[in-house]
């Protein structure tokens, strides 16, 4: 199975699910906006989506750089796992 091709949206999991949604979105924005313009962050607190989020960048280069730099980054005590979203 081929790896997903780079795109503007990064899927993140292994996020500490005890973090409140608004704090999580603020923290993800602060972290990921270092790499470029973040268009949106989607973090749902439903049972199925806990511990997961999507970060959407304006530029493809920004998402590629962020994914490379933040893979395994310790975030609220857990290493982030990131992938490009499969389109």
C-alpha atoms as a PDB file:
ATOM      1  CA  UNK A   1       0.000   0.000   0.000  1.00  0.00           C
ATOM      2  CA  UNK A   2       1.477   3.332  -1.063  1.00  0.00           C
ATOM      3  CA  UNK A   3       1.887   6.147   1.434  1.00  0.00           C
ATOM      4  CA  UNK A   4      -0.676   8.953   1.065  1.00  0.00           C
ATOM      5  CA  UNK A   5       0.524  11.743  -1.204  1.00  0.00           C
ATOM      6  CA  UNK A   6       1.287  15.084   0.416  1.00  0.00           C
ATOM      7  CA  UNK A   7      -1.716  17.380   0.667  1.00  0.00           C
ATOM      8  CA  UNK A   8      -2.889  20.355   2.712  1.00  0.00           C
ATOM      9  CA  UNK A   9      -4.506  18.345   5.512  1.00  0.00           C
ATOM     10  CA  UNK A  10      -2.673  16.450   8.241  1.00  0.00           C
ATOM     11  CA  UNK A  11      -4.421  13.848  10.380  1.00  0.00           C
ATOM     12  CA  UNK A  12      -3.041  13.575  13.929  1.00  0.00           C
ATOM     13  CA  UNK A  13      -3.730  10.904  16.485  1.00  0.00           C
ATOM     14  CA  UNK A  14      -2.375   9.681  19.818  1.00  0.00           C
ATOM     15  CA  UNK A  15      -3.401  13.027  21.343  1.00  0.00           C
ATOM     16  CA  UNK A  16      -4.082  13.097  25.075  1.00  0.00           C
ATOM     17  CA  UNK A  17      -7.889  12.801  25.152  1.00  0.00           C
ATOM     18  CA  UNK A  18      -8.200  14.526  28.537  1.00  0.00           C
ATOM     19  CA  UNK A  19      -7.436  17.938  26.985  1.00  0.00           C
ATOM     20  CA  UNK A  20     -10.510  20.138  26.502  1.00  0.00           C
ATOM     21  CA  UNK A  21     -11.438  20.811  22.876  1.00  0.00           C
ATOM     22  CA  UNK A  22     -10.825  24.587  22.883  1.00  0.00           C
ATOM     23  CA  UNK A  23      -7.462  24.251  24.635  1.00  0.00           C
ATOM     24  CA  UNK A  24      -6.488  21.491  22.210  1.00  0.00           C
ATOM     25  CA  UNK A  25      -7.359  23.629  19.181  1.00  0.00           C
ATOM     26  CA  UNK A  26      -5.452  26.637  20.589  1.00  0.00           C
ATOM     27  CA  UNK A  27      -2.387  24.524  21.348  1.00  0.00           C
ATOM     28  CA  UNK A  28      -2.408  22.802  17.958  1.00  0.00           C
ATOM     29  CA  UNK A  29      -2.780  26.183  16.243  1.00  0.00           C
ATOM     30  CA  UNK A  30       0.174  27.628  18.173  1.00  0.00           C
ATOM     31  CA  UNK A  31       2.323  24.601  17.373  1.00  0.00           C
ATOM     32  CA  UNK A  32       1.446  24.144  13.696  1.00  0.00           C
ATOM     33  CA  UNK A  33       1.261  27.834  12.713  1.00  0.00           C
ATOM     34  CA  UNK A  34       5.054  27.967  13.109  1.00  0.00           C
ATOM     35  CA  UNK A  35       5.159  26.175   9.745  1.00  0.00           C
ATOM     36  CA  UNK A  36       2.733  28.362   7.814  1.00  0.00           C
ATOM     37  CA  UNK A  37      -0.817  29.660   7.565  1.00  0.00           C
ATOM     38  CA  UNK A  38      -3.264  27.288   9.281  1.00  0.00           C
ATOM     39  CA  UNK A  39      -6.696  27.531   7.649  1.00  0.00           C
ATOM     40  CA  UNK A  40      -8.570  25.362  10.152  1.00  0.00           C
ATOM     41  CA  UNK A  41      -8.214  22.820  12.935  1.00  0.00           C
ATOM     42  CA  UNK A  42     -10.884  20.172  13.360  1.00  0.00           C
ATOM     43  CA  UNK A  43     -10.976  18.418  16.724  1.00  0.00           C
ATOM     44  CA  UNK A  44     -14.114  16.507  17.610  1.00  0.00           C
ATOM     45  CA  UNK A  45     -14.665  15.170  21.102  1.00  0.00           C
ATOM     46  CA  UNK A  46     -17.039  12.374  20.119  1.00  0.00           C
ATOM     47  CA  UNK A  47     -16.164   8.940  21.463  1.00  0.00           C
ATOM     48  CA  UNK A  48     -15.030   7.774  18.015  1.00  0.00           C
ATOM     49  CA  UNK A  49     -12.853  10.857  17.337  1.00  0.00           C
ATOM     50  CA  UNK A  50     -11.277  11.386  20.776  1.00  0.00           C
ATOM     51  CA  UNK A  51      -7.514  11.823  20.684  1.00  0.00           C
ATOM     52  CA  UNK A  52      -7.560  12.854  17.022  1.00  0.00           C
ATOM     53  CA  UNK A  53      -7.494  16.081  15.031  1.00  0.00           C
ATOM     54  CA  UNK A  54      -7.057  17.463  11.528  1.00  0.00           C
ATOM     55  CA  UNK A  55      -4.866  20.480  10.732  1.00  0.00           C
ATOM     56  CA  UNK A  56      -5.498  22.181   7.382  1.00  0.00           C
ATOM     57  CA  UNK A  57      -2.785  24.392   5.884  1.00  0.00           C
ATOM     58  CA  UNK A  58      -3.082  26.962   3.111  1.00  0.00           C
ATOM     59  CA  UNK A  59       0.195  25.872   1.471  1.00  0.00           C
ATOM     60  CA  UNK A  60       1.303  22.346   0.600  1.00  0.00           C
ATOM     61  CA  UNK A  61       4.914  23.104   1.571  1.00  0.00           C
ATOM     62  CA  UNK A  62       3.782  24.111   5.057  1.00  0.00           C
ATOM     63  CA  UNK A  63       1.908  20.859   5.657  1.00  0.00           C
ATOM     64  CA  UNK A  64       4.834  18.800   4.345  1.00  0.00           C
ATOM     65  CA  UNK A  65       7.337  20.591   6.592  1.00  0.00           C
ATOM     66  CA  UNK A  66       5.071  20.398   9.658  1.00  0.00           C
ATOM     67  CA  UNK A  67       4.494  16.672   9.180  1.00  0.00           C
ATOM     68  CA  UNK A  68       8.214  16.019   8.862  1.00  0.00           C
ATOM     69  CA  UNK A  69       9.198  18.179  11.856  1.00  0.00           C
ATOM     70  CA  UNK A  70       6.445  17.199  14.297  1.00  0.00           C
ATOM     71  CA  UNK A  71       6.231  13.428  13.801  1.00  0.00           C
ATOM     72  CA  UNK A  72       6.519  11.957  17.298  1.00  0.00           C
ATOM     73  CA  UNK A  73       6.569  15.418  18.913  1.00  0.00           C
ATOM     74  CA  UNK A  74       5.695  15.159  22.632  1.00  0.00           C
ATOM     75  CA  UNK A  75       2.321  16.898  22.969  1.00  0.00           C
ATOM     76  CA  UNK A  76       0.651  16.876  26.393  1.00  0.00           C
ATOM     77  CA  UNK A  77       2.814  13.928  27.412  1.00  0.00           C
ATOM     78  CA  UNK A  78       2.176  11.726  24.358  1.00  0.00           C
ATOM     79  CA  UNK A  79       4.109  11.486  21.063  1.00  0.00           C
ATOM     80  CA  UNK A  80       1.969  12.765  18.180  1.00  0.00           C
ATOM     81  CA  UNK A  81       1.415  10.450  15.232  1.00  0.00           C
ATOM     82  CA  UNK A  82       0.746  12.338  11.982  1.00  0.00           C
ATOM     83  CA  UNK A  83      -0.244  11.369   8.445  1.00  0.00           C
ATOM     84  CA  UNK A  84      -1.367  13.124   5.307  1.00  0.00           C
ATOM     85  CA  UNK A  85      -5.080  12.620   4.808  1.00  0.00           C
ATOM     86  CA  UNK A  86      -5.793  10.119   2.036  1.00  0.00           C
ATOM     87  CA  UNK A  87      -7.879  11.799  -0.642  1.00  0.00           C
END
